[in-house]
């Protein structure tokens, strides 16, 4: 039987936090993988950090059936200050 957590012990709390974050990440990616398998023709999963890459932009354009539209914008790299830019809003 698991031992109760001692919330007064910062190391124990940190260990639990890391385990829970790891569990969340594992479950999140398992759910994405399942959705991708079930809806391959209607779901494209891309990593946020790749959105500025022209190859990723081409993949998205091909997926939704439009001519490739590329942008020189680089969003969310190192900071979120660029989130105020309204240039590429839909």
N, C-alpha and C. Protein backbone atom coordinates (compact mmCIF):
# COMPACT_ATOMS: atom_id res chain seq x y z
N UNK A 1 0.85 -1.18 0.00
CA UNK A 1 0.00 0.00 0.00
C UNK A 1 0.89 1.24 0.00
N UNK A 2 0.54 2.26 -0.82
CA UNK A 2 1.37 3.47 -0.88
C UNK A 2 1.35 4.22 0.45
N UNK A 3 2.46 4.82 0.74
CA UNK A 3 2.58 5.63 1.95
C UNK A 3 1.96 7.01 1.69
N UNK A 4 1.31 7.60 2.69
CA UNK A 4 0.76 8.94 2.51
C UNK A 4 1.88 9.95 2.26
N UNK A 5 1.57 10.95 1.47
CA UNK A 5 2.57 11.96 1.13
C UNK A 5 2.73 12.94 2.29
N UNK A 6 3.97 13.22 2.60
CA UNK A 6 4.28 14.22 3.63
C UNK A 6 4.44 15.57 2.92
N UNK A 7 3.38 16.38 2.94
CA UNK A 7 3.42 17.66 2.24
C UNK A 7 4.39 18.65 2.87
N UNK A 8 4.90 18.34 4.03
CA UNK A 8 5.90 19.20 4.65
C UNK A 8 7.29 18.92 4.09
N UNK A 9 7.43 17.85 3.32
CA UNK A 9 8.72 17.47 2.74
C UNK A 9 8.78 17.96 1.29
N UNK A 10 9.51 19.06 1.04
CA UNK A 10 9.57 19.63 -0.31
C UNK A 10 10.07 18.63 -1.37
N UNK A 11 10.99 17.78 -1.01
CA UNK A 11 11.51 16.80 -1.96
C UNK A 11 10.43 15.79 -2.36
N UNK A 12 9.62 15.37 -1.40
CA UNK A 12 8.54 14.43 -1.68
C UNK A 12 7.48 15.08 -2.56
N UNK A 13 7.17 16.33 -2.28
CA UNK A 13 6.19 17.05 -3.09
C UNK A 13 6.71 17.22 -4.51
N UNK A 14 7.96 17.60 -4.64
CA UNK A 14 8.57 17.79 -5.96
C UNK A 14 8.58 16.46 -6.74
N UNK A 15 8.90 15.39 -6.07
CA UNK A 15 8.91 14.08 -6.72
C UNK A 15 7.52 13.73 -7.23
N UNK A 16 6.50 13.97 -6.43
CA UNK A 16 5.13 13.71 -6.85
C UNK A 16 4.74 14.60 -8.03
N UNK A 17 5.13 15.87 -7.97
CA UNK A 17 4.82 16.78 -9.08
C UNK A 17 5.43 16.27 -10.38
N UNK A 18 6.67 15.85 -10.34
CA UNK A 18 7.34 15.34 -11.54
C UNK A 18 6.67 14.08 -12.07
N UNK A 19 6.26 13.20 -11.17
CA UNK A 19 5.56 11.99 -11.59
C UNK A 19 4.23 12.32 -12.25
N UNK A 20 3.49 13.27 -11.65
CA UNK A 20 2.19 13.65 -12.21
C UNK A 20 2.33 14.35 -13.56
N UNK A 21 3.33 15.20 -13.69
CA UNK A 21 3.58 15.85 -14.98
C UNK A 21 3.96 14.80 -16.02
N UNK A 22 4.81 13.86 -15.65
CA UNK A 22 5.17 12.77 -16.56
C UNK A 22 3.97 11.96 -16.98
N UNK A 23 3.08 11.68 -16.06
CA UNK A 23 1.87 10.93 -16.37
C UNK A 23 0.98 11.72 -17.33
N UNK A 24 0.84 13.03 -17.06
CA UNK A 24 0.03 13.87 -17.94
C UNK A 24 0.60 13.86 -19.36
N UNK A 25 1.90 14.04 -19.50
CA UNK A 25 2.54 14.07 -20.82
C UNK A 25 2.34 12.73 -21.54
N UNK A 26 2.54 11.64 -20.82
CA UNK A 26 2.35 10.31 -21.43
C UNK A 26 0.91 10.13 -21.91
N UNK A 27 -0.07 10.50 -21.08
CA UNK A 27 -1.47 10.34 -21.45
C UNK A 27 -1.86 11.28 -22.59
N UNK A 28 -1.31 12.49 -22.59
CA UNK A 28 -1.59 13.46 -23.64
C UNK A 28 -1.11 12.92 -24.99
N UNK A 29 0.13 12.45 -25.05
CA UNK A 29 0.67 11.95 -26.31
C UNK A 29 0.00 10.63 -26.74
N UNK A 30 -0.43 9.83 -25.80
CA UNK A 30 -1.17 8.62 -26.15
C UNK A 30 -2.52 8.99 -26.77
N UNK A 31 -3.18 9.99 -26.21
CA UNK A 31 -4.46 10.44 -26.77
C UNK A 31 -4.26 11.03 -28.17
N UNK A 32 -3.21 11.83 -28.35
CA UNK A 32 -2.92 12.38 -29.69
C UNK A 32 -2.65 11.27 -30.69
N UNK A 33 -1.88 10.30 -30.30
CA UNK A 33 -1.56 9.19 -31.19
C UNK A 33 -2.81 8.43 -31.58
N UNK A 34 -3.69 8.21 -30.63
CA UNK A 34 -4.95 7.51 -30.91
C UNK A 34 -5.81 8.31 -31.88
N UNK A 35 -5.91 9.62 -31.66
CA UNK A 35 -6.68 10.47 -32.56
C UNK A 35 -6.08 10.48 -33.96
N UNK A 36 -4.77 10.55 -34.01
CA UNK A 36 -4.09 10.56 -35.32
C UNK A 36 -4.35 9.26 -36.07
N UNK A 37 -4.33 8.14 -35.37
CA UNK A 37 -4.61 6.85 -36.01
C UNK A 37 -6.06 6.78 -36.50
N UNK A 38 -6.99 7.27 -35.72
CA UNK A 38 -8.41 7.18 -36.06
C UNK A 38 -8.84 8.17 -37.14
N UNK A 39 -8.21 9.34 -37.17
CA UNK A 39 -8.65 10.40 -38.07
C UNK A 39 -7.53 10.89 -38.98
N UNK A 40 -6.74 9.96 -39.48
CA UNK A 40 -5.56 10.31 -40.27
C UNK A 40 -5.86 11.27 -41.43
N UNK A 41 -7.02 11.11 -42.06
CA UNK A 41 -7.36 11.95 -43.22
C UNK A 41 -7.86 13.34 -42.84
N UNK A 42 -8.24 13.52 -41.60
CA UNK A 42 -8.82 14.81 -41.21
C UNK A 42 -8.12 15.47 -40.02
N UNK A 43 -6.97 14.94 -39.63
CA UNK A 43 -6.24 15.50 -38.49
C UNK A 43 -4.76 15.54 -38.80
N UNK A 44 -4.18 16.70 -38.66
CA UNK A 44 -2.74 16.88 -38.84
C UNK A 44 -2.18 17.43 -37.55
N UNK A 45 -1.25 16.72 -36.97
CA UNK A 45 -0.64 17.16 -35.72
C UNK A 45 0.74 17.71 -36.05
N UNK A 46 0.97 18.95 -35.63
CA UNK A 46 2.28 19.58 -35.82
C UNK A 46 2.75 20.15 -34.49
N UNK A 47 4.03 20.21 -34.33
CA UNK A 47 4.59 20.77 -33.11
C UNK A 47 4.60 22.30 -33.23
N UNK A 48 4.19 22.98 -32.19
CA UNK A 48 4.12 24.44 -32.19
C UNK A 48 5.44 25.06 -32.61
N UNK A 49 6.54 24.54 -32.13
CA UNK A 49 7.83 25.14 -32.45
C UNK A 49 8.22 24.97 -33.91
N UNK A 50 7.49 24.15 -34.66
CA UNK A 50 7.78 23.97 -36.09
C UNK A 50 6.93 24.86 -36.99
N UNK A 51 5.99 25.61 -36.43
CA UNK A 51 5.07 26.39 -37.24
C UNK A 51 5.76 27.46 -38.08
N UNK A 52 6.92 27.92 -37.68
CA UNK A 52 7.65 28.93 -38.45
C UNK A 52 8.49 28.31 -39.56
N UNK A 53 8.63 27.01 -39.55
CA UNK A 53 9.44 26.31 -40.56
C UNK A 53 8.66 26.21 -41.87
N UNK A 54 9.28 26.57 -42.98
CA UNK A 54 8.58 26.56 -44.27
C UNK A 54 8.12 25.16 -44.66
N UNK A 55 8.84 24.12 -44.26
CA UNK A 55 8.39 22.75 -44.58
C UNK A 55 7.11 22.42 -43.84
N UNK A 56 7.00 22.86 -42.60
CA UNK A 56 5.78 22.64 -41.81
C UNK A 56 4.63 23.43 -42.42
N UNK A 57 4.88 24.65 -42.81
CA UNK A 57 3.84 25.47 -43.43
C UNK A 57 3.35 24.82 -44.73
N UNK A 58 4.28 24.25 -45.51
CA UNK A 58 3.89 23.56 -46.74
C UNK A 58 3.04 22.34 -46.42
N UNK A 59 3.43 21.59 -45.40
CA UNK A 59 2.66 20.41 -45.00
C UNK A 59 1.24 20.79 -44.61
N UNK A 60 1.09 21.89 -43.87
CA UNK A 60 -0.23 22.36 -43.48
C UNK A 60 -1.04 22.79 -44.70
N UNK A 61 -0.40 23.56 -45.58
CA UNK A 61 -1.09 24.03 -46.80
C UNK A 61 -1.54 22.84 -47.65
N UNK A 62 -0.66 21.86 -47.83
CA UNK A 62 -1.02 20.66 -48.59
C UNK A 62 -2.17 19.92 -47.92
N UNK A 63 -2.14 19.83 -46.61
CA UNK A 63 -3.16 19.10 -45.87
C UNK A 63 -4.54 19.73 -46.04
N UNK A 64 -4.59 21.07 -46.01
CA UNK A 64 -5.90 21.73 -46.12
C UNK A 64 -6.24 22.09 -47.56
N UNK A 65 -5.33 21.78 -48.49
CA UNK A 65 -5.63 21.94 -49.90
C UNK A 65 -5.56 23.35 -50.44
N UNK A 66 -4.62 24.14 -49.95
CA UNK A 66 -4.44 25.49 -50.49
C UNK A 66 -3.03 25.63 -51.03
N UNK A 67 -2.85 26.67 -51.85
CA UNK A 67 -1.50 26.98 -52.30
C UNK A 67 -0.67 27.36 -51.09
N UNK A 68 0.58 27.02 -51.15
CA UNK A 68 1.44 27.28 -50.01
C UNK A 68 1.52 28.77 -49.71
N UNK A 69 1.32 29.10 -48.48
CA UNK A 69 1.46 30.47 -48.01
C UNK A 69 2.53 30.45 -46.93
N UNK A 70 3.63 31.10 -47.19
CA UNK A 70 4.69 31.11 -46.19
C UNK A 70 4.77 32.49 -45.56
N UNK A 71 5.32 32.51 -44.40
CA UNK A 71 5.44 33.74 -43.65
C UNK A 71 6.84 33.80 -43.06
N UNK A 72 7.38 34.99 -43.02
CA UNK A 72 8.67 35.17 -42.37
C UNK A 72 8.54 35.35 -40.88
N UNK A 73 7.32 35.33 -40.40
CA UNK A 73 7.09 35.53 -38.98
C UNK A 73 7.62 34.36 -38.17
N UNK A 74 8.16 34.67 -37.03
CA UNK A 74 8.63 33.65 -36.09
C UNK A 74 7.94 33.93 -34.77
N UNK A 75 6.97 33.09 -34.45
CA UNK A 75 6.19 33.32 -33.24
C UNK A 75 6.58 32.36 -32.13
N UNK A 76 6.50 32.86 -30.92
CA UNK A 76 6.70 32.07 -29.70
C UNK A 76 8.06 31.39 -29.64
N UNK A 77 9.05 32.04 -30.15
CA UNK A 77 10.40 31.51 -30.03
C UNK A 77 11.13 32.35 -28.98
N UNK A 78 11.41 31.78 -27.88
CA UNK A 78 12.11 32.38 -26.75
C UNK A 78 11.23 33.29 -25.88
N UNK A 79 10.25 33.99 -26.48
CA UNK A 79 9.36 34.85 -25.68
C UNK A 79 7.94 34.72 -26.24
N UNK A 80 7.01 35.35 -25.56
CA UNK A 80 5.64 35.40 -26.08
C UNK A 80 5.26 36.83 -26.43
N UNK A 81 6.24 37.73 -26.48
CA UNK A 81 5.97 39.14 -26.77
C UNK A 81 5.33 39.32 -28.15
N UNK A 82 5.65 38.45 -29.08
CA UNK A 82 5.12 38.58 -30.43
C UNK A 82 3.63 38.25 -30.52
N UNK A 83 3.05 37.75 -29.46
CA UNK A 83 1.64 37.40 -29.48
C UNK A 83 0.71 38.58 -29.64
N UNK A 84 1.22 39.78 -29.46
CA UNK A 84 0.41 40.98 -29.64
C UNK A 84 0.28 41.36 -31.11
N UNK A 85 1.13 40.82 -31.98
CA UNK A 85 1.09 41.13 -33.41
C UNK A 85 -0.18 40.55 -34.02
N UNK A 86 -0.94 41.37 -34.72
CA UNK A 86 -2.22 40.97 -35.30
C UNK A 86 -2.09 40.56 -36.76
N UNK A 87 -0.88 40.52 -37.32
CA UNK A 87 -0.66 40.28 -38.74
C UNK A 87 -1.26 38.98 -39.24
N UNK A 88 -1.09 37.89 -38.51
CA UNK A 88 -1.50 36.58 -39.01
C UNK A 88 -2.72 36.04 -38.28
N UNK A 89 -3.61 36.88 -37.85
CA UNK A 89 -4.83 36.43 -37.19
C UNK A 89 -5.84 35.96 -38.22
N UNK A 90 -6.65 34.98 -37.87
CA UNK A 90 -7.70 34.49 -38.75
C UNK A 90 -9.02 35.10 -38.36
